[in-house]
C-alpha cells in the first residue's frame, strides 16, 4: 500500500537532509518534488497544489528547534496536513436507527458484493449487531449466488427474491423481512452502474427514495485512481452519499483516490478493504493512514487486529501451560492460526515503524506457514501433546507424511524447543530477575 508514494516522498525529504534551517529555496524545491510525487500517485492536481501550498506556508512559519532537523519538522507538518486532507478524524458508520438501513452503491467491479459481506461480518463480530444482507443486484449473473455464499461463510442470512427483477421492491421486502425477524441492520447490495447511464442512475435514486437509508456507502476501487474520484463526484451529485469505501488497497495501488476523494466530494472515507478475506476490512483512520504513507508505521491498528483475535480465557490457560512447561504443538498451531486471521503478512509487518521500507522489495508469501502446519498435522495427537516423545524414527515418519524432509522437521522442533525455553523464562519473574542481574552494567553513571 502506497509503496511508490513513500519512496518518492523519501526522496523529496532528502532535499532538506543536512540543511540547518528551513528556507524559501529549500522548501520550494522539496514542495516541487512532493507535488510531483502526489501527481504521480494520481492525486487530483488542484488537491496536490493546495496541499503543497499549505505545507510550504506552515513550514516557513515554523522555527526549527535545535533538537529537530528541518526534514523531521517537515515530516511532522506533512503528517498533520495529510491527516486533515483525508478527513482529520475517524467517521464511523451510524448505527443509531433500528433497523439501520445501509445502501451500497458503486461502479461495476468495484467490489460492492464482497464489501457487503465484509461489512455484515464486521458489524456482527465487532459491533454485536444482527445484520441481514439483501441481494438487490438483479442484473449481474451469479451476483445473488455470490452474496449467498458469503452470507453462509460468515453466518449472516441473505434475503433474495429470485422471481423479481425490481430492485426497489426487493429492497423494501428485505427491510420488512428484517423487521419481522429482529435484524437491527439491513445491508442492501445493488448492481454496478455507470454515472452516464441515466436509466440505472434513476433506478438507484428510486431505491434510495423508497428505503430512506440511514447510510449510503459509495464503494470505490482504489486501483482506478483519479477516475474513481471523478465517478464519486457524479454519484454524489445524484445520491448525496454519506461515506466512501476504498477497496483493493492491498493491490499495486498509487493511492490517489485515498488522498483526493475527501477534498473533492467532501464526504468521509469510512472503510478500507485490505484483502480478500472476510476479516480484511478496517475502519478508516486518517491519522493512521498518514503515518503509513510517510513510512512511520501504524502500531495502533496492529494491536487492534491482534486484540480482535485475542481470547482472554484461552490466553490465561496458555499462560498456565507455559509456566508448567506444558506448551505443546496444539498450542503452537493455534497461535499460528490466530496470526493468519489478522490479515496479509506483508501488510501486518508494514504497520511496524521502520519495517515497511525495509521489506518493500521482499516477497512475503502468505503461505509461509503451510510447511509448518503440514509438519504439525502429520504428528499423532500423542506427539503433539508430548513434543519430547518425538524420536528420530517418529521424525522420519512425520517428514514423509508432511511432504517435507527430515532437516525441516528437525529445524522446526529445535525452534519450538528454543521458543519454549524463552517463554518459560519470561513467565517466571524470579528467573527474569536473575537474568537481568546477570546482564553487563551500562557503560555510564558513577564509576
Protein backbone atom coordinates (compact mmCIF):
# COMPACT_ATOMS: atom_id res chain seq x y z
CA UNK A 1 0.00 0.00 0.00
CA UNK A 2 1.43 3.40 -1.09
CA UNK A 3 4.97 2.00 -1.61
CA UNK A 4 5.74 4.15 -4.68
CA UNK A 5 4.45 7.29 -2.98
CA UNK A 6 6.54 6.53 0.13
CA UNK A 7 9.70 6.19 -1.99
CA UNK A 8 9.09 9.48 -3.78
CA UNK A 9 8.30 11.37 -0.58
CA UNK A 10 11.51 9.97 0.96
CA UNK A 11 13.48 11.34 -1.99
CA UNK A 12 11.74 14.71 -1.61
CA UNK A 13 12.66 14.92 2.09
CA UNK A 14 16.32 14.22 1.24
CA UNK A 15 16.48 17.72 -0.30
CA UNK A 16 16.35 19.03 3.30
CA UNK A 17 18.80 16.46 4.70
CA UNK A 18 21.80 18.15 6.25
CA UNK A 19 20.19 21.59 5.98
CA UNK A 20 20.43 23.64 9.17
CA UNK A 21 17.36 25.76 8.54
CA UNK A 22 14.16 25.83 6.53
CA UNK A 23 14.43 28.48 3.81
CA UNK A 24 12.18 29.66 0.99
CA UNK A 25 14.54 28.00 -1.52
CA UNK A 26 14.96 24.53 0.03
CA UNK A 27 11.25 24.28 0.95
CA UNK A 28 10.20 25.33 -2.57
CA UNK A 29 12.46 22.62 -4.01
CA UNK A 30 11.09 19.98 -1.59
CA UNK A 31 7.48 21.01 -2.30
CA UNK A 32 8.08 20.73 -6.04
CA UNK A 33 9.22 17.11 -5.51
CA UNK A 34 6.29 16.36 -3.18
CA UNK A 35 3.77 17.80 -5.67
CA UNK A 36 5.31 15.65 -8.41
CA UNK A 37 5.10 12.58 -6.13
CA UNK A 38 1.41 13.27 -5.41
CA UNK A 39 0.56 13.74 -9.09
CA UNK A 40 2.40 10.51 -9.94
CA UNK A 41 0.21 8.83 -7.29
CA UNK A 42 -2.80 10.05 -9.32
CA UNK A 43 -3.84 12.71 -6.80
CA UNK A 44 -6.16 15.41 -8.17
CA UNK A 45 -4.00 18.36 -9.43
CA UNK A 46 -5.92 21.03 -7.54
CA UNK A 47 -5.75 18.93 -4.34
CA UNK A 48 -1.98 18.38 -4.76
CA UNK A 49 -1.30 22.10 -5.36
CA UNK A 50 -3.44 23.32 -2.44
CA UNK A 51 -1.85 20.71 -0.18
CA UNK A 52 1.77 21.62 -1.02
CA UNK A 53 0.99 25.36 -0.77
CA UNK A 54 -0.45 24.81 2.73
CA UNK A 55 2.54 22.71 3.84
CA UNK A 56 5.00 25.30 2.48
CA UNK A 57 3.22 28.15 4.24
CA UNK A 58 3.22 26.28 7.57
CA UNK A 59 6.86 25.18 7.19
CA UNK A 60 8.11 28.73 6.56
CA UNK A 61 6.26 29.98 9.62
CA UNK A 62 7.96 27.49 11.97
CA UNK A 63 11.16 27.86 13.94
CA UNK A 64 13.40 24.78 13.77
CA UNK A 65 14.31 23.60 17.26
CA UNK A 66 17.94 22.66 17.82
CA UNK A 67 16.87 19.07 18.60
CA UNK A 68 14.78 18.73 15.42
CA UNK A 69 16.07 18.70 11.85
CA UNK A 70 14.20 20.58 9.07
CA UNK A 71 13.38 17.19 7.49
CA UNK A 72 11.81 15.96 10.74
CA UNK A 73 9.82 19.16 11.15
CA UNK A 74 8.52 18.96 7.59
CA UNK A 75 7.56 15.29 8.13
CA UNK A 76 5.51 16.37 11.18
CA UNK A 77 3.78 19.15 9.18
CA UNK A 78 3.17 16.72 6.28
CA UNK A 79 1.68 14.17 8.69
CA UNK A 80 -0.74 16.76 10.12
CA UNK A 81 -1.74 18.06 6.68
CA UNK A 82 -2.19 14.57 5.17
CA UNK A 83 -4.41 13.66 8.14
CA UNK A 84 -6.51 16.79 7.52
CA UNK A 85 -6.63 16.13 3.76
CA UNK A 86 -8.10 12.66 4.35
CA UNK A 87 -10.76 13.88 6.77
CA UNK A 88 -8.99 14.77 10.01
CA UNK A 89 -10.77 12.33 12.30
CA UNK A 90 -12.42 8.93 12.05
CA UNK A 91 -16.10 8.86 10.93
CA UNK A 92 -17.77 5.60 11.85
CA UNK A 93 -20.96 4.21 10.36
CA UNK A 94 -24.14 5.48 12.09
CA UNK A 95 -25.99 2.55 13.70
CA UNK A 96 -28.42 4.52 15.86
CA UNK A 97 -31.62 3.52 13.97
CA UNK A 98 -33.35 0.15 14.39
CA UNK A 99 -33.15 -1.27 11.85
CA UNK A 100 -30.29 0.75 10.31
CA UNK A 101 -30.60 0.57 6.51
CA UNK A 102 -27.27 0.75 4.63
CA UNK A 103 -27.39 1.12 0.84
CA UNK A 104 -24.27 0.03 -1.09
CA UNK A 105 -23.61 1.78 -4.43
CA UNK A 106 -20.78 1.97 -6.96
CA UNK A 107 -19.41 1.04 -10.37
CA UNK A 108 -19.27 -2.43 -11.90
CA UNK A 109 -16.35 -4.42 -10.49
CA UNK A 110 -15.64 -2.09 -7.55
CA UNK A 111 -16.19 -4.92 -5.06
CA UNK A 112 -19.64 -4.00 -3.69
CA UNK A 113 -20.87 -7.55 -3.05
CA UNK A 114 -17.63 -8.59 -1.33
CA UNK A 115 -17.71 -5.40 0.74
CA UNK A 116 -21.36 -6.07 1.70
CA UNK A 117 -20.27 -9.44 3.11
CA UNK A 118 -17.27 -7.92 4.91
CA UNK A 119 -19.45 -5.16 6.39
CA UNK A 120 -22.01 -7.69 7.65
CA UNK A 121 -19.19 -9.72 9.21
CA UNK A 122 -17.67 -6.57 10.80
CA UNK A 123 -20.99 -5.42 12.26
CA UNK A 124 -21.74 -8.92 13.58
CA UNK A 125 -18.33 -9.66 15.14
CA UNK A 126 -17.09 -6.18 16.13
CA UNK A 127 -20.31 -4.32 16.88
CA UNK A 128 -22.54 -7.12 18.16
CA UNK A 129 -25.28 -6.43 15.56
CA UNK A 130 -27.67 -8.82 13.87
CA UNK A 131 -27.39 -7.94 10.15
CA UNK A 132 -29.46 -9.08 7.17
CA UNK A 133 -27.99 -8.97 3.66
CA UNK A 134 -30.37 -8.08 0.81
CA UNK A 135 -29.49 -9.25 -2.71
CA UNK A 136 -30.53 -6.25 -4.81
CA UNK A 137 -28.31 -6.85 -7.87
CA UNK A 138 -30.74 -8.35 -10.37
CA UNK A 139 -28.51 -7.87 -13.42
CA UNK A 140 -25.10 -9.49 -12.86
CA UNK A 141 -25.19 -13.28 -13.37
CA UNK A 142 -24.42 -15.13 -10.12
CA UNK A 143 -24.49 -11.91 -8.01
CA UNK A 144 -27.19 -13.42 -5.77
CA UNK A 145 -25.28 -16.73 -5.54
CA UNK A 146 -22.09 -14.85 -4.57
CA UNK A 147 -23.87 -12.98 -1.77
CA UNK A 148 -25.49 -16.20 -0.51
CA UNK A 149 -22.10 -17.97 -0.41
CA UNK A 150 -20.58 -15.04 1.54
CA UNK A 151 -23.58 -14.98 3.90
CA UNK A 152 -23.19 -18.68 4.60
CA UNK A 153 -19.45 -18.22 5.18
CA UNK A 154 -19.97 -15.55 7.87
CA UNK A 155 -23.23 -16.90 9.31
CA UNK A 156 -25.43 -13.99 8.17
CA UNK A 157 -28.81 -14.63 6.42
CA UNK A 158 -29.42 -13.30 2.90
CA UNK A 159 -32.80 -12.12 1.64
CA UNK A 160 -33.32 -12.74 -2.10
CA UNK A 161 -36.36 -12.77 -4.37
CA UNK A 162 -35.45 -14.88 -7.40
CA UNK A 163 -38.81 -14.19 -9.04
CA UNK A 164 -38.39 -10.40 -9.10
CA UNK A 165 -36.31 -8.06 -11.30
CA UNK A 166 -37.38 -4.96 -9.36
CA UNK A 167 -34.54 -3.69 -7.09
CA UNK A 168 -36.86 -1.19 -5.35
CA UNK A 169 -39.40 -3.90 -4.46
CA UNK A 170 -36.66 -6.33 -3.32
CA UNK A 171 -35.10 -3.68 -1.04
CA UNK A 172 -38.49 -2.88 0.55
CA UNK A 173 -39.27 -6.60 1.03
CA UNK A 174 -35.82 -7.10 2.60
CA UNK A 175 -36.41 -4.30 5.15
CA UNK A 176 -39.83 -5.78 6.02
CA UNK A 177 -38.17 -9.20 6.48
CA UNK A 178 -35.55 -7.65 8.79
CA UNK A 179 -38.22 -6.02 10.98
CA UNK A 180 -40.16 -9.28 11.17
CA UNK A 181 -37.12 -11.32 12.27
CA UNK A 182 -35.46 -8.82 14.60
CA UNK A 183 -32.48 -7.81 12.44
CA UNK A 184 -31.13 -4.40 13.52
CA UNK A 185 -29.05 -3.73 10.37
CA UNK A 186 -30.09 -4.18 6.71
CA UNK A 187 -27.32 -4.08 4.08
CA UNK A 188 -28.72 -3.65 0.57
CA UNK A 189 -26.29 -4.75 -2.15
CA UNK A 190 -27.06 -3.12 -5.52
CA UNK A 191 -25.99 -3.57 -9.13
CA UNK A 192 -22.95 -1.78 -10.51
CA UNK A 193 -23.83 1.18 -12.71
CA UNK A 194 -22.15 3.93 -14.74
CA UNK A 195 -22.76 7.57 -13.85
CA UNK A 196 -23.56 8.25 -17.53
CA UNK A 197 -26.29 5.58 -17.60
CA UNK A 198 -29.34 7.73 -16.83
CA UNK A 199 -31.76 4.82 -16.50
CA UNK A 200 -29.58 2.98 -13.97
CA UNK A 201 -28.88 6.18 -12.01
CA UNK A 202 -32.64 6.85 -11.84
CA UNK A 203 -33.10 3.30 -10.56
CA UNK A 204 -30.70 3.67 -7.60
CA UNK A 205 -32.19 7.10 -6.84
CA UNK A 206 -35.58 5.31 -6.67
CA UNK A 207 -34.15 2.67 -4.29
CA UNK A 208 -32.91 5.49 -2.07
CA UNK A 209 -36.25 7.36 -2.18
CA UNK A 210 -38.24 4.22 -1.27
CA UNK A 211 -36.00 2.87 1.50
CA UNK A 212 -34.79 6.10 3.20
CA UNK A 213 -31.39 4.58 4.04
CA UNK A 214 -29.53 5.90 7.09
CA UNK A 215 -26.20 5.33 5.34
CA UNK A 216 -25.33 5.29 1.62
CA UNK A 217 -21.82 3.96 1.13
CA UNK A 218 -20.13 4.53 -2.22
CA UNK A 219 -17.65 1.73 -3.00
CA UNK A 220 -14.55 2.78 -4.96
CA UNK A 221 -11.87 0.57 -6.50
CA UNK A 222 -8.61 2.24 -5.37
CA UNK A 223 -6.82 0.87 -8.44
CA UNK A 224 -8.76 3.26 -10.69
CA UNK A 225 -7.15 6.32 -9.07
CA UNK A 226 -8.34 9.69 -10.31
CA UNK A 227 -11.17 8.17 -12.37
CA UNK A 228 -12.63 6.88 -9.09
CA UNK A 229 -12.70 10.42 -7.69
CA UNK A 230 -14.48 11.80 -10.77
CA UNK A 231 -17.03 8.98 -10.60
CA UNK A 232 -17.59 9.60 -6.89
CA UNK A 233 -18.42 13.23 -7.66
CA UNK A 234 -21.00 12.22 -10.29
CA UNK A 235 -22.63 9.69 -7.93
CA UNK A 236 -22.61 12.13 -5.02
CA UNK A 237 -24.46 14.74 -7.11
CA UNK A 238 -27.29 12.21 -7.57
CA UNK A 239 -27.26 10.23 -4.31
CA UNK A 240 -25.68 12.55 -1.73
CA UNK A 241 -23.99 9.53 -0.15
CA UNK A 242 -22.82 9.53 3.47
CA UNK A 243 -19.42 7.91 3.09
CA UNK A 244 -16.83 6.28 0.85
CA UNK A 245 -15.35 2.78 0.94
CA UNK A 246 -11.95 2.21 -0.70
CA UNK A 247 -11.47 -1.40 -1.85
CA UNK A 248 -8.35 -3.23 -3.12
CA UNK A 249 -5.93 -1.06 -1.16
CA UNK A 250 -3.71 -4.13 -0.79
CA UNK A 251 -3.09 -4.15 -4.56
CA UNK A 252 -0.46 -2.24 -6.54
CA UNK A 253 -2.33 1.00 -5.97
CA UNK A 254 -0.92 4.50 -6.24
CA UNK A 255 -3.21 5.78 -3.52
CA UNK A 256 -4.51 8.88 -5.32
CA UNK A 257 -8.15 8.09 -4.53
CA UNK A 258 -7.50 7.93 -0.77
CA UNK A 259 -5.76 11.30 -0.84
CA UNK A 260 -8.12 13.17 -3.18
CA UNK A 261 -11.62 11.89 -2.57
CA UNK A 262 -12.42 13.73 0.69
CA UNK A 263 -11.37 17.14 -0.69
CA UNK A 264 -13.28 16.63 -3.98
CA UNK A 265 -16.63 15.26 -2.71
CA UNK A 266 -16.39 16.42 0.93
CA UNK A 267 -17.57 13.04 2.21
CA UNK A 268 -15.58 10.92 4.71
CA UNK A 269 -13.84 7.66 3.88
CA UNK A 270 -15.43 5.21 6.34
CA UNK A 271 -13.85 1.86 5.48
CA UNK A 272 -10.91 0.41 3.56
CA UNK A 273 -10.65 -3.11 2.16
CA UNK A 274 -7.18 -4.62 2.53
CA UNK A 275 -7.52 -8.16 1.19
CA UNK A 276 -9.88 -10.88 0.03
CA UNK A 277 -10.69 -12.47 3.41
CA UNK A 278 -13.95 -11.52 5.12
CA UNK A 279 -11.93 -10.09 8.04
CA UNK A 280 -9.88 -7.82 5.72
CA UNK A 281 -11.89 -4.66 6.41
CA UNK A 282 -10.67 -1.71 8.51
CA UNK A 283 -12.37 1.43 9.77
CA UNK A 284 -10.54 4.32 8.08
CA UNK A 285 -8.39 6.41 10.45
CA UNK A 286 -6.90 9.43 8.58
CA UNK A 287 -4.10 9.90 11.13
CA UNK A 288 -3.01 6.25 10.97
CA UNK A 289 -3.09 6.26 7.15
CA UNK A 290 -0.98 9.46 7.05
CA UNK A 291 1.62 7.75 9.28
CA UNK A 292 1.73 4.76 6.96
CA UNK A 293 2.09 6.91 3.84
CA UNK A 294 5.10 8.63 5.45
CA UNK A 295 6.62 5.25 6.40
CA UNK A 296 6.04 5.76 10.13
CA UNK A 297 4.05 2.54 10.67
CA UNK A 298 0.70 2.01 12.39
CA UNK A 299 1.17 0.18 15.68
CA UNK A 300 -2.33 1.04 16.96
CA UNK A 301 -4.04 -0.81 14.08
CA UNK A 302 -1.66 -3.76 14.51
CA UNK A 303 -2.54 -4.04 18.23
CA UNK A 304 -6.27 -3.72 17.45
CA UNK A 305 -6.09 -6.53 14.91
CA UNK A 306 -4.28 -8.71 17.44
CA UNK A 307 -6.91 -7.91 20.09
CA UNK A 308 -9.72 -8.94 17.72
CA UNK A 309 -8.23 -12.45 17.61
CA UNK A 310 -7.35 -12.47 21.32
CA UNK A 311 -9.29 -14.77 23.63
CA UNK A 312 -8.72 -13.78 27.28
CA UNK A 313 -9.72 -17.16 28.75
CA UNK A 314 -7.60 -19.03 26.22
CA UNK A 315 -4.64 -16.71 26.95
CA UNK A 316 -4.89 -17.36 30.71
CA UNK A 317 -4.89 -21.14 30.12
CA UNK A 318 -1.94 -20.77 27.77
CA UNK A 319 0.00 -18.82 30.39
CA UNK A 320 -0.55 -21.61 32.95
CA UNK A 321 0.74 -24.19 30.44
CA UNK A 322 3.82 -22.06 29.69
CA UNK A 323 4.63 -21.74 33.42
CA UNK A 324 4.44 -25.53 33.80
CA UNK A 325 6.45 -26.00 30.56
CA UNK A 326 3.42 -27.77 29.04
CA UNK A 327 3.17 -25.57 25.90
CA UNK A 328 2.73 -28.09 23.08
CA UNK A 329 2.28 -28.27 19.29
CA UNK A 330 -1.52 -27.95 19.61
CA UNK A 331 -0.98 -24.55 21.29
CA UNK A 332 1.64 -23.62 18.70
CA UNK A 333 -0.61 -24.29 15.70
CA UNK A 334 -3.44 -22.43 17.48
CA UNK A 335 -1.22 -19.33 17.74
CA UNK A 336 -0.30 -19.60 14.03
CA UNK A 337 -3.99 -19.73 13.08
CA UNK A 338 -4.69 -16.59 15.14
CA UNK A 339 -1.86 -14.71 13.38
CA UNK A 340 -3.19 -15.80 9.97
CA UNK A 341 -6.63 -14.38 10.80
CA UNK A 342 -5.07 -10.95 11.37
CA UNK A 343 -4.56 -10.49 7.61
CA UNK A 344 -1.91 -10.22 4.90
CA UNK A 345 1.59 -10.78 6.43
CA UNK A 346 3.35 -8.03 4.48
CA UNK A 347 0.58 -5.58 5.38
CA UNK A 348 0.90 -6.51 9.08
CA UNK A 349 4.68 -6.10 9.07
CA UNK A 350 4.30 -2.76 7.28
CA UNK A 351 2.44 -1.48 10.37
CA UNK A 352 5.65 -1.76 12.43
CA UNK A 353 7.59 1.56 12.31
CA UNK A 354 10.67 1.30 10.09
CA UNK A 355 9.83 -2.21 8.85
CA UNK A 356 7.63 -1.15 5.91
CA UNK A 357 10.54 0.41 3.99
CA UNK A 358 12.90 -2.43 4.85
CA UNK A 359 10.60 -5.12 3.39
CA UNK A 360 9.13 -3.21 0.43
CA UNK A 361 11.12 -5.29 -2.09
CA UNK A 362 10.76 -8.55 -0.14
CA UNK A 363 8.11 -11.02 -1.28
CA UNK A 364 6.40 -12.31 1.87
CA UNK A 365 4.29 -15.31 0.97
CA UNK A 366 1.06 -15.72 2.94
CA UNK A 367 1.59 -19.48 2.51
CA UNK A 368 4.81 -19.37 4.57
CA UNK A 369 3.07 -21.18 7.45
CA UNK A 370 1.90 -24.09 5.28
CA UNK A 371 5.00 -26.34 5.69
CA UNK A 372 4.89 -25.79 9.49
CA UNK A 373 1.17 -26.63 9.60
CA UNK A 374 1.77 -29.71 7.42
CA UNK A 375 4.50 -30.98 9.79
CA UNK A 376 2.37 -30.46 12.92
CA UNK A 377 -0.71 -32.01 11.28
CA UNK A 378 1.37 -35.09 10.40
CA UNK A 379 2.05 -35.70 14.09
CA UNK A 380 -0.20 -38.02 16.10
CA UNK A 381 -2.34 -36.43 18.86
CA UNK A 382 0.07 -38.00 21.39
CA UNK A 383 3.12 -36.43 19.68
CA UNK A 384 1.51 -33.01 19.57
CA UNK A 385 0.75 -33.13 23.28
CA UNK A 386 4.17 -34.62 24.13
CA UNK A 387 6.83 -32.93 21.95
CA UNK A 388 9.65 -34.65 23.91
CA UNK A 389 8.42 -38.04 22.64
CA UNK A 390 9.34 -37.26 19.02
CA UNK A 391 12.39 -39.50 18.48
CA UNK A 392 14.32 -39.97 15.18
CA UNK A 393 12.00 -42.68 13.78
CA UNK A 394 8.91 -40.54 14.54
CA UNK A 395 10.62 -37.55 12.86
CA UNK A 396 11.23 -39.61 9.70
CA UNK A 397 7.55 -40.64 9.61
CA UNK A 398 6.41 -37.01 10.15
CA UNK A 399 8.68 -35.82 7.30
CA UNK A 400 7.19 -38.42 4.93
CA UNK A 401 3.62 -37.62 5.97
CA UNK A 402 4.04 -33.84 5.59
CA UNK A 403 5.83 -33.86 2.23
CA UNK A 404 8.89 -32.20 3.81
CA UNK A 405 12.32 -33.59 4.72
CA UNK A 406 13.96 -34.63 7.99
CA UNK A 407 16.04 -31.42 8.13
CA UNK A 408 12.89 -29.26 8.03
CA UNK A 409 11.26 -31.35 10.78
CA UNK A 410 14.42 -31.15 12.94
CA UNK A 411 14.65 -27.38 12.39
CA UNK A 412 11.00 -26.81 13.42
CA UNK A 413 11.35 -28.98 16.56
CA UNK A 414 14.60 -27.17 17.52
CA UNK A 415 12.93 -23.74 17.04
CA UNK A 416 9.92 -24.93 19.05
CA UNK A 417 12.15 -26.11 21.93
CA UNK A 418 14.11 -22.82 21.95
CA UNK A 419 10.86 -20.84 21.95
CA UNK A 420 9.51 -22.94 24.82
CA UNK A 421 12.60 -22.21 26.94
CA UNK A 422 12.33 -18.44 26.32
CA UNK A 423 8.58 -18.44 27.07
CA UNK A 424 9.17 -20.29 30.35
CA UNK A 425 11.82 -17.74 31.39
CA UNK A 426 9.55 -14.80 30.62
CA UNK A 427 6.68 -16.33 32.60
CA UNK A 428 8.87 -16.75 35.70
CA UNK A 429 9.57 -13.38 37.42
CA UNK A 430 12.39 -14.84 39.58
CA UNK A 431 14.18 -16.28 36.54
CA UNK A 432 13.74 -12.96 34.72
CA UNK A 433 15.22 -11.00 37.65
CA UNK A 434 18.19 -13.39 37.79
CA UNK A 435 18.74 -12.97 34.05
CA UNK A 436 18.60 -9.16 34.38
CA UNK A 437 21.15 -9.22 37.25
CA UNK A 438 23.48 -11.23 35.06
CA UNK A 439 23.43 -8.66 32.28
CA UNK A 440 26.51 -6.38 31.88
CA UNK A 441 26.30 -2.97 33.57
CA UNK A 442 25.53 0.06 31.39
CA UNK A 443 28.69 1.98 30.35
CA UNK A 444 27.71 5.20 32.13
CA UNK A 445 26.93 6.57 35.58
CA UNK A 446 29.19 6.52 38.65
CA UNK A 447 32.44 4.58 38.47
